[in-house]
Amino acid sequence: MICISQEKLIEKVKKQRKAKNLTQEQLCDITGMNQQMIDRLENYEYMPSISQLEKLAEVLCFNIPDLYVDNEPMIHTSLRFDNVSEREKKAINQLVDMMTAAKQQIILRKTKKG
């Protein structure tokens, strides 16, 4: 499964923040994040939300796809749609979309285990 590497994110944030001569406090002012979040992020204790990640990428000029890694095998489940109505198909597809979004949120918030 492709997900965001916390290590790559932290390396990128630290490097770009220093390259732009920004303190953590200045970065907070620009992004709207609080200083504790930035400090915890740089110490592997926090993963930003998607909107925070997008703001960091915008301010620090990096591309989010550069942070992706493929580190988990994808598990596929097959469903038989022979006797499923269109309404049921739509509901199943919505459920899968919600599960995928939830998984991405979990990955974004996952912290590096020490």
N, C-alpha and C. Protein backbone atom coordinates (compact mmCIF):
# COMPACT_ATOMS: atom_id res chain seq x y z
N MET A 1 0.84 -1.17 0.00
CA MET A 1 0.00 0.00 0.00
C MET A 1 0.89 1.24 0.00
N ILE A 2 0.51 2.20 -0.75
CA ILE A 2 1.26 3.44 -0.81
C ILE A 2 0.76 4.36 0.28
N CYS A 3 1.69 4.90 1.07
CA CYS A 3 1.33 5.82 2.14
C CYS A 3 2.43 6.87 2.30
N ILE A 4 2.20 7.82 3.15
CA ILE A 4 3.17 8.88 3.37
C ILE A 4 4.18 8.42 4.41
N SER A 5 5.45 8.60 4.10
CA SER A 5 6.52 8.26 5.01
C SER A 5 6.69 9.37 6.04
N GLN A 6 6.51 9.04 7.29
CA GLN A 6 6.69 10.04 8.34
C GLN A 6 8.14 10.52 8.35
N GLU A 7 9.06 9.61 8.14
CA GLU A 7 10.48 9.98 8.13
C GLU A 7 10.79 10.98 7.01
N LYS A 8 10.28 10.72 5.81
CA LYS A 8 10.50 11.65 4.70
C LYS A 8 9.85 13.00 4.97
N LEU A 9 8.66 12.98 5.55
CA LEU A 9 7.95 14.22 5.86
C LEU A 9 8.76 15.06 6.84
N ILE A 10 9.21 14.45 7.92
CA ILE A 10 9.95 15.19 8.94
C ILE A 10 11.27 15.73 8.38
N GLU A 11 11.96 14.90 7.62
CA GLU A 11 13.21 15.33 7.00
C GLU A 11 12.95 16.55 6.09
N LYS A 12 11.89 16.48 5.31
CA LYS A 12 11.55 17.56 4.37
C LYS A 12 11.17 18.84 5.13
N VAL A 13 10.34 18.71 6.17
CA VAL A 13 9.91 19.88 6.93
C VAL A 13 11.11 20.55 7.59
N LYS A 14 11.95 19.77 8.25
CA LYS A 14 13.12 20.34 8.92
C LYS A 14 14.06 21.03 7.91
N LYS A 15 14.35 20.32 6.84
CA LYS A 15 15.28 20.85 5.83
C LYS A 15 14.75 22.13 5.20
N GLN A 16 13.49 22.11 4.79
CA GLN A 16 12.93 23.27 4.11
C GLN A 16 12.72 24.45 5.07
N ARG A 17 12.35 24.16 6.30
CA ARG A 17 12.17 25.23 7.29
C ARG A 17 13.50 25.93 7.53
N LYS A 18 14.56 25.15 7.68
CA LYS A 18 15.89 25.73 7.91
C LYS A 18 16.41 26.45 6.67
N ALA A 19 16.14 25.89 5.49
CA ALA A 19 16.58 26.52 4.24
C ALA A 19 15.91 27.88 4.04
N LYS A 20 14.70 28.01 4.55
CA LYS A 20 13.97 29.28 4.44
C LYS A 20 14.23 30.19 5.65
N ASN A 21 15.16 29.76 6.52
CA ASN A 21 15.51 30.51 7.73
C ASN A 21 14.29 30.84 8.58
N LEU A 22 13.42 29.85 8.75
CA LEU A 22 12.23 30.02 9.56
C LEU A 22 12.40 29.31 10.90
N THR A 23 11.98 29.96 11.97
CA THR A 23 11.91 29.28 13.25
C THR A 23 10.61 28.48 13.27
N GLN A 24 10.48 27.62 14.25
CA GLN A 24 9.23 26.90 14.39
C GLN A 24 8.08 27.88 14.63
N GLU A 25 8.33 28.90 15.41
CA GLU A 25 7.31 29.90 15.70
C GLU A 25 6.87 30.63 14.43
N GLN A 26 7.82 30.99 13.58
CA GLN A 26 7.48 31.67 12.33
C GLN A 26 6.67 30.74 11.42
N LEU A 27 7.07 29.46 11.36
CA LEU A 27 6.32 28.50 10.56
C LEU A 27 4.89 28.36 11.08
N CYS A 28 4.74 28.40 12.38
CA CYS A 28 3.40 28.33 12.99
C CYS A 28 2.55 29.52 12.55
N ASP A 29 3.15 30.70 12.59
CA ASP A 29 2.41 31.90 12.20
C ASP A 29 1.94 31.81 10.75
N ILE A 30 2.78 31.28 9.89
CA ILE A 30 2.44 31.20 8.46
C ILE A 30 1.41 30.11 8.18
N THR A 31 1.55 28.96 8.84
CA THR A 31 0.67 27.82 8.55
C THR A 31 -0.61 27.79 9.39
N GLY A 32 -0.60 28.50 10.51
CA GLY A 32 -1.75 28.45 11.40
C GLY A 32 -1.71 27.28 12.36
N MET A 33 -0.65 26.50 12.31
CA MET A 33 -0.47 25.39 13.26
C MET A 33 0.14 25.97 14.53
N ASN A 34 -0.06 25.30 15.68
CA ASN A 34 0.58 25.82 16.88
C ASN A 34 1.98 25.24 17.01
N GLN A 35 2.81 25.92 17.81
CA GLN A 35 4.22 25.55 17.90
C GLN A 35 4.42 24.14 18.46
N GLN A 36 3.54 23.74 19.36
CA GLN A 36 3.65 22.40 19.93
C GLN A 36 3.49 21.34 18.82
N MET A 37 2.59 21.58 17.87
CA MET A 37 2.40 20.64 16.76
C MET A 37 3.67 20.53 15.93
N ILE A 38 4.27 21.67 15.59
CA ILE A 38 5.48 21.66 14.79
C ILE A 38 6.61 20.96 15.54
N ASP A 39 6.76 21.27 16.81
CA ASP A 39 7.80 20.63 17.63
C ASP A 39 7.58 19.12 17.69
N ARG A 40 6.34 18.71 17.96
CA ARG A 40 6.04 17.28 18.03
C ARG A 40 6.24 16.60 16.67
N LEU A 41 5.88 17.29 15.60
CA LEU A 41 6.09 16.75 14.25
C LEU A 41 7.57 16.49 14.02
N GLU A 42 8.40 17.46 14.32
CA GLU A 42 9.84 17.33 14.08
C GLU A 42 10.50 16.32 15.02
N ASN A 43 9.78 15.88 16.04
CA ASN A 43 10.30 14.88 16.97
C ASN A 43 9.57 13.54 16.84
N TYR A 44 8.96 13.29 15.68
CA TYR A 44 8.30 12.02 15.38
C TYR A 44 7.15 11.70 16.33
N GLU A 45 6.49 12.71 16.86
CA GLU A 45 5.41 12.48 17.80
C GLU A 45 4.04 12.92 17.27
N TYR A 46 4.00 13.39 16.03
CA TYR A 46 2.76 13.93 15.50
C TYR A 46 2.75 13.82 13.98
N MET A 47 1.57 13.49 13.43
CA MET A 47 1.37 13.53 11.99
C MET A 47 0.28 14.54 11.71
N PRO A 48 0.54 15.47 10.81
CA PRO A 48 -0.45 16.51 10.54
C PRO A 48 -1.67 15.96 9.81
N SER A 49 -2.76 16.69 9.91
CA SER A 49 -3.96 16.34 9.14
C SER A 49 -3.67 16.63 7.68
N ILE A 50 -4.56 16.21 6.82
CA ILE A 50 -4.36 16.44 5.38
C ILE A 50 -4.28 17.93 5.09
N SER A 51 -5.15 18.73 5.68
CA SER A 51 -5.11 20.17 5.41
C SER A 51 -3.83 20.80 5.94
N GLN A 52 -3.35 20.34 7.09
CA GLN A 52 -2.09 20.85 7.63
C GLN A 52 -0.92 20.44 6.74
N LEU A 53 -0.95 19.21 6.27
CA LEU A 53 0.10 18.72 5.38
C LEU A 53 0.14 19.54 4.09
N GLU A 54 -1.03 19.84 3.54
CA GLU A 54 -1.10 20.65 2.33
C GLU A 54 -0.54 22.05 2.56
N LYS A 55 -0.85 22.63 3.71
CA LYS A 55 -0.35 23.97 4.03
C LYS A 55 1.17 23.94 4.21
N LEU A 56 1.70 22.93 4.90
CA LEU A 56 3.15 22.80 5.06
C LEU A 56 3.83 22.68 3.70
N ALA A 57 3.26 21.87 2.83
CA ALA A 57 3.83 21.68 1.49
C ALA A 57 3.83 22.99 0.70
N GLU A 58 2.75 23.73 0.83
CA GLU A 58 2.64 25.02 0.13
C GLU A 58 3.68 26.02 0.65
N VAL A 59 3.77 26.16 1.96
CA VAL A 59 4.66 27.13 2.57
C VAL A 59 6.13 26.74 2.39
N LEU A 60 6.42 25.46 2.55
CA LEU A 60 7.82 25.00 2.48
C LEU A 60 8.24 24.52 1.10
N CYS A 61 7.33 24.61 0.14
CA CYS A 61 7.63 24.30 -1.26
C CYS A 61 8.14 22.87 -1.48
N PHE A 62 7.32 21.90 -1.09
CA PHE A 62 7.64 20.52 -1.43
C PHE A 62 6.39 19.84 -1.95
N ASN A 63 6.58 18.74 -2.65
CA ASN A 63 5.48 17.99 -3.25
C ASN A 63 5.11 16.80 -2.36
N ILE A 64 3.86 16.71 -2.02
CA ILE A 64 3.39 15.62 -1.16
C ILE A 64 3.67 14.24 -1.79
N PRO A 65 3.46 14.04 -3.10
CA PRO A 65 3.75 12.72 -3.67
C PRO A 65 5.21 12.27 -3.49
N ASP A 66 6.13 13.20 -3.27
CA ASP A 66 7.53 12.83 -3.02
C ASP A 66 7.69 12.12 -1.68
N LEU A 67 6.68 12.19 -0.83
CA LEU A 67 6.75 11.58 0.50
C LEU A 67 6.20 10.15 0.51
N TYR A 68 5.62 9.71 -0.59
CA TYR A 68 4.98 8.40 -0.63
C TYR A 68 6.00 7.27 -0.65
N VAL A 69 5.65 6.20 0.04
CA VAL A 69 6.43 4.95 0.01
C VAL A 69 5.44 3.79 -0.13
N ASP A 70 5.92 2.71 -0.68
CA ASP A 70 5.11 1.50 -0.82
C ASP A 70 5.64 0.51 0.20
N ASN A 71 4.95 0.42 1.35
CA ASN A 71 5.51 -0.40 2.42
C ASN A 71 4.61 -1.51 2.94
N GLU A 72 3.42 -1.62 2.44
CA GLU A 72 2.53 -2.68 2.90
C GLU A 72 1.92 -3.38 1.70
N PRO A 73 1.84 -4.70 1.75
CA PRO A 73 1.16 -5.37 0.64
C PRO A 73 -0.33 -5.05 0.65
N MET A 74 -0.88 -4.93 -0.52
CA MET A 74 -2.32 -4.65 -0.64
C MET A 74 -3.08 -5.97 -0.59
N ILE A 75 -4.12 -5.99 0.18
CA ILE A 75 -4.96 -7.19 0.28
C ILE A 75 -6.24 -6.90 -0.50
N HIS A 76 -6.55 -7.77 -1.42
CA HIS A 76 -7.73 -7.59 -2.25
C HIS A 76 -8.81 -8.57 -1.81
N THR A 77 -10.02 -8.08 -1.76
CA THR A 77 -11.18 -8.91 -1.46
C THR A 77 -12.11 -8.85 -2.65
N SER A 78 -12.56 -10.00 -3.08
CA SER A 78 -13.47 -10.04 -4.23
C SER A 78 -14.90 -10.16 -3.75
N LEU A 79 -15.76 -9.43 -4.40
CA LEU A 79 -17.19 -9.54 -4.13
C LEU A 79 -17.88 -9.98 -5.40
N ARG A 80 -18.87 -10.82 -5.25
CA ARG A 80 -19.65 -11.23 -6.42
C ARG A 80 -20.82 -10.29 -6.57
N PHE A 81 -20.93 -9.69 -7.74
CA PHE A 81 -22.00 -8.73 -7.98
C PHE A 81 -23.14 -9.34 -8.80
N ASP A 82 -23.19 -10.67 -8.93
CA ASP A 82 -24.22 -11.30 -9.76
C ASP A 82 -25.64 -10.92 -9.32
N ASN A 83 -25.91 -11.10 -8.05
CA ASN A 83 -27.26 -10.91 -7.54
C ASN A 83 -27.38 -9.66 -6.67
N VAL A 84 -26.60 -8.65 -6.98
CA VAL A 84 -26.62 -7.42 -6.19
C VAL A 84 -27.29 -6.33 -7.02
N SER A 85 -28.20 -5.62 -6.39
CA SER A 85 -28.90 -4.54 -7.09
C SER A 85 -27.96 -3.35 -7.29
N GLU A 86 -28.35 -2.44 -8.16
CA GLU A 86 -27.55 -1.24 -8.41
C GLU A 86 -27.41 -0.41 -7.13
N ARG A 87 -28.48 -0.36 -6.36
CA ARG A 87 -28.45 0.38 -5.10
C ARG A 87 -27.44 -0.25 -4.13
N GLU A 88 -27.41 -1.57 -4.06
CA GLU A 88 -26.45 -2.26 -3.19
C GLU A 88 -25.02 -2.06 -3.69
N LYS A 89 -24.82 -2.09 -5.00
CA LYS A 89 -23.49 -1.85 -5.57
C LYS A 89 -22.99 -0.46 -5.18
N LYS A 90 -23.89 0.52 -5.30
CA LYS A 90 -23.52 1.90 -4.95
C LYS A 90 -23.15 1.98 -3.47
N ALA A 91 -23.92 1.35 -2.61
CA ALA A 91 -23.65 1.37 -1.17
C ALA A 91 -22.31 0.69 -0.86
N ILE A 92 -22.04 -0.42 -1.52
CA ILE A 92 -20.77 -1.13 -1.31
C ILE A 92 -19.60 -0.25 -1.75
N ASN A 93 -19.73 0.39 -2.90
CA ASN A 93 -18.67 1.27 -3.38
C ASN A 93 -18.44 2.45 -2.44
N GLN A 94 -19.51 3.01 -1.89
CA GLN A 94 -19.37 4.10 -0.92
C GLN A 94 -18.67 3.62 0.34
N LEU A 95 -19.01 2.43 0.80
CA LEU A 95 -18.38 1.85 1.98
C LEU A 95 -16.88 1.66 1.76
N VAL A 96 -16.51 1.14 0.61
CA VAL A 96 -15.10 0.95 0.28
C VAL A 96 -14.37 2.29 0.25
N ASP A 97 -14.98 3.30 -0.34
CA ASP A 97 -14.38 4.64 -0.38
C ASP A 97 -14.17 5.19 1.03
N MET A 98 -15.16 5.02 1.89
CA MET A 98 -15.04 5.51 3.27
C MET A 98 -13.95 4.76 4.03
N MET A 99 -13.86 3.44 3.81
CA MET A 99 -12.83 2.65 4.48
C MET A 99 -11.44 3.07 4.01
N THR A 100 -11.30 3.34 2.73
CA THR A 100 -10.01 3.78 2.18
C THR A 100 -9.62 5.13 2.78
N ALA A 101 -10.57 6.06 2.86
CA ALA A 101 -10.29 7.37 3.44
C ALA A 101 -9.92 7.24 4.92
N ALA A 102 -10.61 6.37 5.64
CA ALA A 102 -10.30 6.16 7.06
C ALA A 102 -8.90 5.58 7.23
N LYS A 103 -8.53 4.65 6.37
CA LYS A 103 -7.20 4.05 6.43
C LYS A 103 -6.13 5.11 6.21
N GLN A 104 -6.34 6.00 5.24
CA GLN A 104 -5.37 7.07 4.98
C GLN A 104 -5.24 8.00 6.18
N GLN A 105 -6.34 8.30 6.85
CA GLN A 105 -6.28 9.14 8.05
C GLN A 105 -5.47 8.46 9.15
N ILE A 106 -5.66 7.16 9.32
CA ILE A 106 -4.90 6.41 10.32
C ILE A 106 -3.42 6.46 9.99
N ILE A 107 -3.09 6.25 8.72
CA ILE A 107 -1.69 6.28 8.30
C ILE A 107 -1.08 7.65 8.54
N LEU A 108 -1.83 8.70 8.22
CA LEU A 108 -1.31 10.06 8.42
C LEU A 108 -1.05 10.37 9.89
N ARG A 109 -1.84 9.78 10.77
CA ARG A 109 -1.70 10.08 12.19
C ARG A 109 -0.77 9.11 12.94
N LYS A 110 -0.38 8.07 12.26
CA LYS A 110 0.45 7.05 12.89
C LYS A 110 1.81 7.66 13.25
N THR A 111 2.25 7.42 14.43
CA THR A 111 3.54 7.95 14.84
C THR A 111 4.59 6.85 14.83
N LYS A 112 5.80 7.26 14.66
CA LYS A 112 6.89 6.30 14.62
C LYS A 112 7.07 5.68 16.00
N LYS A 113 7.07 4.38 16.05
CA LYS A 113 7.24 3.66 17.31
C LYS A 113 8.72 3.63 17.64
N GLY A 114 9.04 3.94 18.87
CA GLY A 114 10.43 4.07 19.28
C GLY A 114 10.99 2.81 19.75
